Amino acid sequence: MGNRSSTPSSEEEGSSSGMYLTPELQGKINTDFEEKIIQTQWNSYRKGHIERYQQREAQNAQRHHELQQKQQQLNQQAKLVHDELDRMVDGAKSKLSDIEVALEYDMKRLSEKFQDSEVSGGEKCVDVRAELSRCYNTLDSGECQVFAKKLEKCVTEALA
């Protein structure tokens, strides 16, 4: 045949027929075969590694998405709680303002009542006081006890 490496050797010509490979060609074929096996194994490893990487990336993306949803839910809940607290604070401020206005009104009313009663009670009791003063100036203090009791009664009624 036309290939030197495939021609039968002189020793082998008489005993068998067929094609024989030279040791260099046989070595090259074996090396190519081993390289093919190594390349196949390497490609299999790379493919598995890439698949595992993609699975991890997909799981990480899924977890990230779940965490974002959870964070949004918590933010919404926090907003609802803050809004409710704001409403409660506003309500408390409103009640406090109402109480403040009512208290101020009551204080004015009581102040006016006490001022009126002092003036009217004072005017009522002025006459009794004058009588008691005249009694102390002219008579003995023992005889003025009637006017003192009368003045005490007048003041007590004015304050009540």
N, C-alpha and C. Protein backbone atom coordinates (compact mmCIF):
# COMPACT_ATOMS: atom_id res chain seq x y z
N MET A 1 0.83 -1.15 0.00
CA MET A 1 0.00 0.00 0.00
C MET A 1 0.88 1.22 0.00
N GLY A 2 0.36 2.33 -0.15
CA GLY A 2 1.16 3.51 -0.36
C GLY A 2 1.73 4.08 0.92
N ASN A 3 1.31 3.70 2.07
CA ASN A 3 1.76 4.26 3.33
C ASN A 3 2.87 3.40 3.90
N ARG A 4 3.96 3.97 4.25
CA ARG A 4 5.07 3.21 4.80
C ARG A 4 4.73 2.61 6.14
N SER A 5 4.00 3.32 6.92
CA SER A 5 3.70 2.82 8.25
C SER A 5 2.70 1.68 8.19
N SER A 6 1.98 1.54 7.12
CA SER A 6 0.99 0.48 7.05
C SER A 6 1.49 -0.71 6.23
N THR A 7 2.71 -0.71 5.79
CA THR A 7 3.23 -1.85 5.02
C THR A 7 3.69 -2.92 5.97
N PRO A 8 3.48 -4.20 5.57
CA PRO A 8 3.88 -5.29 6.46
C PRO A 8 5.39 -5.38 6.55
N SER A 9 5.86 -5.75 7.72
CA SER A 9 7.30 -5.91 7.90
C SER A 9 7.75 -7.24 7.31
N SER A 10 9.03 -7.42 7.14
CA SER A 10 9.54 -8.63 6.50
C SER A 10 9.33 -9.84 7.36
N GLU A 11 9.35 -9.77 8.63
CA GLU A 11 9.16 -10.91 9.50
C GLU A 11 7.72 -11.35 9.47
N GLU A 12 6.85 -10.42 9.36
CA GLU A 12 5.44 -10.74 9.49
C GLU A 12 4.83 -11.09 8.15
N GLU A 13 5.55 -10.96 7.04
CA GLU A 13 4.96 -11.20 5.73
C GLU A 13 4.55 -12.64 5.55
N GLY A 14 5.28 -13.52 6.03
CA GLY A 14 5.00 -14.90 5.76
C GLY A 14 3.97 -15.49 6.68
N SER A 15 3.80 -15.01 7.83
CA SER A 15 2.94 -15.67 8.79
C SER A 15 1.51 -15.17 8.78
N SER A 16 1.28 -13.93 8.60
CA SER A 16 -0.09 -13.45 8.62
C SER A 16 -0.28 -12.34 7.62
N SER A 17 -1.50 -12.12 7.35
CA SER A 17 -1.80 -11.06 6.40
C SER A 17 -2.52 -9.95 7.14
N GLY A 18 -2.51 -8.80 6.65
CA GLY A 18 -3.20 -7.68 7.27
C GLY A 18 -2.34 -6.44 7.28
N MET A 19 -2.79 -5.55 8.04
CA MET A 19 -2.10 -4.29 8.07
C MET A 19 -1.48 -4.10 9.45
N TYR A 20 -0.29 -3.59 9.48
CA TYR A 20 0.43 -3.39 10.72
C TYR A 20 0.85 -1.94 10.81
N LEU A 21 0.86 -1.44 12.06
CA LEU A 21 1.21 -0.05 12.29
C LEU A 21 2.62 0.03 12.87
N THR A 22 3.27 1.06 12.46
CA THR A 22 4.61 1.25 13.01
C THR A 22 4.48 1.69 14.46
N PRO A 23 5.50 1.45 15.29
CA PRO A 23 5.41 1.83 16.68
C PRO A 23 5.18 3.33 16.86
N GLU A 24 5.70 4.22 16.01
CA GLU A 24 5.48 5.65 16.13
C GLU A 24 4.02 5.99 15.89
N LEU A 25 3.43 5.34 14.83
CA LEU A 25 2.03 5.60 14.53
C LEU A 25 1.15 5.06 15.65
N GLN A 26 1.49 3.87 16.14
CA GLN A 26 0.73 3.27 17.24
C GLN A 26 0.82 4.17 18.47
N GLY A 27 1.99 4.73 18.77
CA GLY A 27 2.16 5.64 19.90
C GLY A 27 1.35 6.92 19.73
N LYS A 28 1.34 7.42 18.48
CA LYS A 28 0.57 8.64 18.21
C LYS A 28 -0.91 8.38 18.39
N ILE A 29 -1.38 7.23 17.92
CA ILE A 29 -2.80 6.89 18.07
C ILE A 29 -3.14 6.76 19.55
N ASN A 30 -2.28 6.06 20.29
CA ASN A 30 -2.53 5.90 21.73
C ASN A 30 -2.54 7.26 22.44
N THR A 31 -1.60 8.12 22.08
CA THR A 31 -1.54 9.45 22.69
C THR A 31 -2.79 10.25 22.34
N ASP A 32 -3.20 10.21 21.09
CA ASP A 32 -4.43 10.91 20.67
C ASP A 32 -5.64 10.38 21.42
N PHE A 33 -5.68 9.06 21.59
CA PHE A 33 -6.81 8.44 22.29
C PHE A 33 -6.83 8.88 23.75
N GLU A 34 -5.67 8.86 24.38
CA GLU A 34 -5.59 9.28 25.78
C GLU A 34 -5.95 10.77 25.91
N GLU A 35 -5.47 11.59 24.96
CA GLU A 35 -5.82 13.00 24.99
C GLU A 35 -7.32 13.19 24.81
N LYS A 36 -7.92 12.36 23.95
CA LYS A 36 -9.37 12.44 23.72
C LYS A 36 -10.11 12.08 25.00
N ILE A 37 -9.66 11.04 25.69
CA ILE A 37 -10.29 10.64 26.95
C ILE A 37 -10.14 11.76 27.99
N ILE A 38 -8.93 12.29 28.11
CA ILE A 38 -8.70 13.38 29.06
C ILE A 38 -9.55 14.59 28.71
N GLN A 39 -9.62 14.92 27.43
CA GLN A 39 -10.43 16.07 26.99
C GLN A 39 -11.90 15.82 27.30
N THR A 40 -12.38 14.60 27.08
CA THR A 40 -13.78 14.26 27.36
C THR A 40 -14.05 14.39 28.85
N GLN A 41 -13.14 13.87 29.68
CA GLN A 41 -13.32 13.97 31.12
C GLN A 41 -13.28 15.44 31.57
N TRP A 42 -12.34 16.20 31.02
CA TRP A 42 -12.26 17.61 31.35
C TRP A 42 -13.53 18.36 30.97
N ASN A 43 -14.05 18.07 29.77
CA ASN A 43 -15.30 18.71 29.33
C ASN A 43 -16.46 18.31 30.23
N SER A 44 -16.49 17.04 30.65
CA SER A 44 -17.53 16.59 31.57
C SER A 44 -17.43 17.32 32.91
N TYR A 45 -16.20 17.45 33.43
CA TYR A 45 -16.00 18.16 34.68
C TYR A 45 -16.41 19.63 34.55
N ARG A 46 -15.98 20.27 33.47
CA ARG A 46 -16.33 21.67 33.24
C ARG A 46 -17.84 21.85 33.15
N LYS A 47 -18.49 20.94 32.42
CA LYS A 47 -19.94 21.02 32.26
C LYS A 47 -20.63 20.89 33.61
N GLY A 48 -20.18 19.92 34.43
CA GLY A 48 -20.76 19.76 35.77
C GLY A 48 -20.51 20.98 36.64
N HIS A 49 -19.28 21.50 36.57
CA HIS A 49 -18.94 22.69 37.34
C HIS A 49 -19.79 23.88 36.94
N ILE A 50 -19.97 24.09 35.67
CA ILE A 50 -20.80 25.21 35.17
C ILE A 50 -22.25 25.01 35.60
N GLU A 51 -22.75 23.77 35.54
CA GLU A 51 -24.14 23.51 35.95
C GLU A 51 -24.32 23.81 37.44
N ARG A 52 -23.36 23.37 38.28
CA ARG A 52 -23.45 23.65 39.71
C ARG A 52 -23.38 25.15 39.97
N TYR A 53 -22.51 25.86 39.25
CA TYR A 53 -22.40 27.31 39.39
C TYR A 53 -23.73 27.99 39.03
N GLN A 54 -24.33 27.54 37.93
CA GLN A 54 -25.60 28.13 37.50
C GLN A 54 -26.70 27.84 38.52
N GLN A 55 -26.68 26.62 39.10
CA GLN A 55 -27.67 26.29 40.13
C GLN A 55 -27.50 27.19 41.36
N ARG A 56 -26.23 27.37 41.78
CA ARG A 56 -25.98 28.26 42.92
C ARG A 56 -26.42 29.68 42.62
N GLU A 57 -26.13 30.15 41.43
CA GLU A 57 -26.54 31.50 41.05
C GLU A 57 -28.07 31.62 41.04
N ALA A 58 -28.75 30.60 40.53
CA ALA A 58 -30.22 30.62 40.50
C ALA A 58 -30.77 30.61 41.93
N GLN A 59 -30.17 29.79 42.81
CA GLN A 59 -30.61 29.75 44.20
C GLN A 59 -30.35 31.08 44.90
N ASN A 60 -29.19 31.66 44.65
CA ASN A 60 -28.88 32.97 45.24
C ASN A 60 -29.85 34.04 44.74
N ALA A 61 -30.16 34.00 43.46
CA ALA A 61 -31.11 34.98 42.91
C ALA A 61 -32.49 34.78 43.54
N GLN A 62 -32.89 33.52 43.73
CA GLN A 62 -34.18 33.23 44.34
C GLN A 62 -34.20 33.72 45.79
N ARG A 63 -33.14 33.45 46.56
CA ARG A 63 -33.06 33.91 47.94
C ARG A 63 -33.07 35.43 48.00
N HIS A 64 -32.33 36.06 47.10
CA HIS A 64 -32.29 37.52 47.06
C HIS A 64 -33.69 38.08 46.80
N HIS A 65 -34.41 37.48 45.87
CA HIS A 65 -35.77 37.92 45.56
C HIS A 65 -36.68 37.72 46.77
N GLU A 66 -36.55 36.58 47.45
CA GLU A 66 -37.38 36.32 48.62
C GLU A 66 -37.06 37.33 49.74
N LEU A 67 -35.79 37.63 49.92
CA LEU A 67 -35.41 38.60 50.94
C LEU A 67 -35.94 39.99 50.62
N GLN A 68 -35.91 40.36 49.34
CA GLN A 68 -36.46 41.67 48.95
C GLN A 68 -37.96 41.73 49.23
N GLN A 69 -38.66 40.63 48.92
CA GLN A 69 -40.10 40.61 49.20
C GLN A 69 -40.35 40.71 50.70
N LYS A 70 -39.56 39.97 51.49
CA LYS A 70 -39.72 40.00 52.94
C LYS A 70 -39.44 41.41 53.47
N GLN A 71 -38.40 42.05 52.94
CA GLN A 71 -38.07 43.40 53.36
C GLN A 71 -39.20 44.37 53.00
N GLN A 72 -39.78 44.21 51.82
CA GLN A 72 -40.90 45.08 51.43
C GLN A 72 -42.09 44.86 52.36
N GLN A 73 -42.37 43.60 52.73
CA GLN A 73 -43.46 43.32 53.65
C GLN A 73 -43.20 43.97 55.00
N LEU A 74 -41.96 43.83 55.50
CA LEU A 74 -41.63 44.43 56.79
C LEU A 74 -41.72 45.95 56.72
N ASN A 75 -41.28 46.54 55.61
CA ASN A 75 -41.38 48.00 55.45
C ASN A 75 -42.83 48.44 55.45
N GLN A 76 -43.70 47.66 54.78
CA GLN A 76 -45.12 48.01 54.75
C GLN A 76 -45.72 47.90 56.16
N GLN A 77 -45.36 46.83 56.88
CA GLN A 77 -45.86 46.68 58.24
C GLN A 77 -45.36 47.82 59.13
N ALA A 78 -44.09 48.17 58.98
CA ALA A 78 -43.53 49.27 59.77
C ALA A 78 -44.25 50.57 59.46
N LYS A 79 -44.56 50.79 58.18
CA LYS A 79 -45.27 52.02 57.79
C LYS A 79 -46.66 52.05 58.42
N LEU A 80 -47.34 50.89 58.41
CA LEU A 80 -48.66 50.84 59.04
C LEU A 80 -48.57 51.14 60.54
N VAL A 81 -47.58 50.56 61.19
CA VAL A 81 -47.41 50.78 62.63
C VAL A 81 -47.09 52.25 62.90
N HIS A 82 -46.18 52.82 62.10
CA HIS A 82 -45.84 54.24 62.28
C HIS A 82 -47.04 55.14 62.02
N ASP A 83 -47.82 54.81 61.00
CA ASP A 83 -49.01 55.61 60.73
C ASP A 83 -49.99 55.54 61.90
N GLU A 84 -50.16 54.34 62.46
CA GLU A 84 -51.06 54.16 63.60
C GLU A 84 -50.54 54.94 64.81
N LEU A 85 -49.23 54.87 65.04
CA LEU A 85 -48.65 55.63 66.14
C LEU A 85 -48.81 57.14 65.93
N ASP A 86 -48.64 57.58 64.70
CA ASP A 86 -48.84 59.00 64.40
C ASP A 86 -50.28 59.42 64.68
N ARG A 87 -51.23 58.56 64.29
CA ARG A 87 -52.64 58.87 64.56
C ARG A 87 -52.89 58.92 66.07
N MET A 88 -52.29 58.00 66.80
CA MET A 88 -52.47 57.98 68.25
C MET A 88 -51.87 59.23 68.89
N VAL A 89 -50.70 59.64 68.43
CA VAL A 89 -50.06 60.85 68.97
C VAL A 89 -50.90 62.07 68.64
N ASP A 90 -51.39 62.14 67.40
CA ASP A 90 -52.24 63.27 67.03
C ASP A 90 -53.50 63.31 67.88
N GLY A 91 -54.09 62.13 68.12
CA GLY A 91 -55.29 62.06 68.96
C GLY A 91 -54.99 62.52 70.38
N ALA A 92 -53.84 62.07 70.91
CA ALA A 92 -53.47 62.47 72.26
C ALA A 92 -53.22 63.97 72.33
N LYS A 93 -52.55 64.52 71.31
CA LYS A 93 -52.32 65.97 71.29
C LYS A 93 -53.64 66.73 71.22
N SER A 94 -54.58 66.21 70.43
CA SER A 94 -55.88 66.86 70.31
C SER A 94 -56.61 66.84 71.64
N LYS A 95 -56.60 65.68 72.30
CA LYS A 95 -57.27 65.58 73.61
C LYS A 95 -56.60 66.51 74.61
N LEU A 96 -55.28 66.57 74.58
CA LEU A 96 -54.56 67.44 75.50
C LEU A 96 -54.93 68.90 75.25
N SER A 97 -55.03 69.28 73.98
CA SER A 97 -55.43 70.66 73.66
C SER A 97 -56.83 70.94 74.16
N ASP A 98 -57.75 69.97 73.97
CA ASP A 98 -59.11 70.14 74.45
C ASP A 98 -59.15 70.30 75.97
N ILE A 99 -58.37 69.46 76.66
CA ILE A 99 -58.34 69.54 78.12
C ILE A 99 -57.74 70.87 78.56
N GLU A 100 -56.72 71.31 77.85
CA GLU A 100 -56.08 72.58 78.17
C GLU A 100 -57.06 73.74 78.03
N VAL A 101 -57.82 73.73 76.94
CA VAL A 101 -58.81 74.79 76.72
C VAL A 101 -59.89 74.74 77.80
N ALA A 102 -60.37 73.51 78.12
CA ALA A 102 -61.41 73.38 79.14
C ALA A 102 -60.88 73.83 80.50
N LEU A 103 -59.64 73.46 80.80
CA LEU A 103 -59.06 73.85 82.08
C LEU A 103 -58.88 75.36 82.17
N GLU A 104 -58.44 75.96 81.09
CA GLU A 104 -58.28 77.42 81.07
C GLU A 104 -59.63 78.10 81.29
N TYR A 105 -60.67 77.58 80.64
CA TYR A 105 -62.02 78.15 80.80
C TYR A 105 -62.47 78.01 82.25
N ASP A 106 -62.27 76.81 82.83
CA ASP A 106 -62.69 76.58 84.21
C ASP A 106 -61.91 77.48 85.18
N MET A 107 -60.62 77.67 84.90
CA MET A 107 -59.81 78.53 85.77
C MET A 107 -60.32 79.96 85.72
N LYS A 108 -60.64 80.45 84.53
CA LYS A 108 -61.17 81.81 84.42
C LYS A 108 -62.48 81.94 85.18
N ARG A 109 -63.31 80.94 85.00
CA ARG A 109 -64.62 80.97 85.65
C ARG A 109 -64.47 80.94 87.17
N LEU A 110 -63.57 80.07 87.67
CA LEU A 110 -63.35 80.02 89.12
C LEU A 110 -62.73 81.32 89.62
N SER A 111 -61.79 81.84 88.85
CA SER A 111 -61.15 83.09 89.25
C SER A 111 -62.19 84.20 89.35
N GLU A 112 -63.06 84.29 88.36
CA GLU A 112 -64.10 85.31 88.37
C GLU A 112 -65.05 85.09 89.54
N LYS A 113 -65.34 83.82 89.82
CA LYS A 113 -66.27 83.52 90.93
C LYS A 113 -65.67 83.96 92.25
N PHE A 114 -64.36 83.64 92.44
CA PHE A 114 -63.73 84.03 93.70
C PHE A 114 -63.58 85.54 93.80
N GLN A 115 -63.31 86.20 92.69
CA GLN A 115 -63.19 87.66 92.73
C GLN A 115 -64.53 88.28 93.04
N ASP A 116 -65.58 87.75 92.41
CA ASP A 116 -66.93 88.28 92.68
C ASP A 116 -67.32 88.02 94.13
N SER A 117 -67.00 86.82 94.61
CA SER A 117 -67.42 86.51 95.98
C SER A 117 -66.61 87.33 96.97
N GLU A 118 -65.33 87.62 96.66
CA GLU A 118 -64.54 88.47 97.56
C GLU A 118 -65.13 89.87 97.61
N VAL A 119 -65.48 90.36 96.42
CA VAL A 119 -66.04 91.72 96.37
C VAL A 119 -67.40 91.75 97.05
N SER A 120 -68.26 90.80 96.67
CA SER A 120 -69.60 90.84 97.25
C SER A 120 -69.57 90.44 98.72
N GLY A 121 -68.72 89.43 99.04
CA GLY A 121 -68.59 89.03 100.44
C GLY A 121 -67.96 90.15 101.25
N GLY A 122 -66.99 90.79 100.65
CA GLY A 122 -66.34 91.91 101.33
C GLY A 122 -67.31 93.05 101.53
N GLU A 123 -68.16 93.30 100.53
CA GLU A 123 -69.14 94.37 100.66
C GLU A 123 -70.18 94.00 101.70
N LYS A 124 -70.54 92.73 101.76
CA LYS A 124 -71.54 92.32 102.75
C LYS A 124 -71.00 92.49 104.16
N CYS A 125 -69.75 92.08 104.29
CA CYS A 125 -69.18 92.03 105.64
C CYS A 125 -68.58 93.36 106.10
N VAL A 126 -68.55 94.36 105.23
CA VAL A 126 -67.98 95.65 105.61
C VAL A 126 -68.78 96.26 106.77
N ASP A 127 -70.07 96.16 106.67
CA ASP A 127 -70.91 96.74 107.73
C ASP A 127 -70.67 96.05 109.06
N VAL A 128 -70.60 94.73 109.05
CA VAL A 128 -70.40 93.97 110.29
C VAL A 128 -69.03 94.31 110.86
N ARG A 129 -68.05 94.46 110.01
CA ARG A 129 -66.69 94.78 110.44
C ARG A 129 -66.66 96.19 111.08
N ALA A 130 -67.35 97.08 110.44
CA ALA A 130 -67.39 98.45 111.00
C ALA A 130 -68.05 98.44 112.38
N GLU A 131 -69.12 97.67 112.54
CA GLU A 131 -69.78 97.58 113.85
C GLU A 131 -68.85 96.98 114.89
N LEU A 132 -68.06 95.93 114.47
CA LEU A 132 -67.13 95.31 115.40
C LEU A 132 -66.03 96.29 115.79
N SER A 133 -65.56 97.04 114.83
CA SER A 133 -64.52 98.03 115.10
C SER A 133 -65.02 99.10 116.07
N ARG A 134 -66.24 99.59 115.86
CA ARG A 134 -66.82 100.59 116.76
C ARG A 134 -66.98 100.02 118.17
N CYS A 135 -67.35 98.76 118.21
CA CYS A 135 -67.54 98.11 119.52
C CYS A 135 -66.23 98.04 120.27
N TYR A 136 -65.15 97.64 119.56
CA TYR A 136 -63.85 97.54 120.23
C TYR A 136 -63.35 98.92 120.68
N ASN A 137 -63.70 99.93 119.92
CA ASN A 137 -63.24 101.28 120.28
C ASN A 137 -64.03 101.86 121.46
N THR A 138 -65.26 101.49 121.59
CA THR A 138 -66.09 102.12 122.61
C THR A 138 -66.39 101.23 123.79
N LEU A 139 -66.58 99.97 123.57
CA LEU A 139 -67.01 99.08 124.64
C LEU A 139 -65.90 98.13 125.06
N ASP A 140 -66.22 97.31 125.97
CA ASP A 140 -65.32 96.28 126.47
C ASP A 140 -65.29 95.14 125.46
N SER A 141 -64.16 94.47 125.30
CA SER A 141 -64.02 93.43 124.28
C SER A 141 -64.94 92.25 124.55
N GLY A 142 -65.29 91.97 125.74
CA GLY A 142 -66.19 90.86 126.07
C GLY A 142 -67.57 91.08 125.46
N GLU A 143 -68.03 92.31 125.43
CA GLU A 143 -69.35 92.61 124.90
C GLU A 143 -69.36 92.56 123.37
N CYS A 144 -68.20 92.60 122.72
CA CYS A 144 -68.10 92.63 121.25
C CYS A 144 -68.10 91.22 120.63
N GLN A 145 -68.19 90.19 121.48
CA GLN A 145 -68.17 88.83 120.93
C GLN A 145 -69.34 88.57 119.99
N VAL A 146 -70.42 89.18 120.21
CA VAL A 146 -71.58 89.02 119.34
C VAL A 146 -71.24 89.52 117.94
N PHE A 147 -70.57 90.69 117.84
CA PHE A 147 -70.19 91.23 116.53
C PHE A 147 -69.10 90.37 115.86
N ALA A 148 -68.19 89.80 116.68
CA ALA A 148 -67.11 88.94 116.13
C ALA A 148 -67.70 87.68 115.52
N LYS A 149 -68.68 87.07 116.19
CA LYS A 149 -69.33 85.87 115.66
C LYS A 149 -70.12 86.21 114.41
N LYS A 150 -70.76 87.35 114.41
CA LYS A 150 -71.52 87.81 113.25
C LYS A 150 -70.57 88.00 112.06
N LEU A 151 -69.38 88.58 112.28
CA LEU A 151 -68.39 88.78 111.21
C LEU A 151 -67.86 87.43 110.70
N GLU A 152 -67.58 86.51 111.61
CA GLU A 152 -67.09 85.18 111.22
C GLU A 152 -68.12 84.46 110.35
N LYS A 153 -69.39 84.56 110.72
CA LYS A 153 -70.46 83.92 109.95
C LYS A 153 -70.56 84.55 108.56
N CYS A 154 -70.43 85.85 108.50
CA CYS A 154 -70.52 86.55 107.20
C CYS A 154 -69.38 86.14 106.29
N VAL A 155 -68.14 86.07 106.81
CA VAL A 155 -66.98 85.69 106.00
C VAL A 155 -67.13 84.24 105.52
N THR A 156 -67.56 83.35 106.40
CA THR A 156 -67.72 81.93 106.03
C THR A 156 -68.75 81.78 104.91
N GLU A 157 -69.83 82.46 104.98
CA GLU A 157 -70.85 82.39 103.93
C GLU A 157 -70.32 82.97 102.61
N ALA A 158 -69.55 84.02 102.69
CA ALA A 158 -69.00 84.66 101.48
C ALA A 158 -68.02 83.71 100.78
N LEU A 159 -67.20 83.03 101.55
CA LEU A 159 -66.26 82.10 100.96
C LEU A 159 -66.93 80.83 100.43
N ALA A 160 -68.00 80.43 101.05
CA ALA A 160 -68.69 79.23 100.60
C ALA A 160 -69.41 79.50 99.31
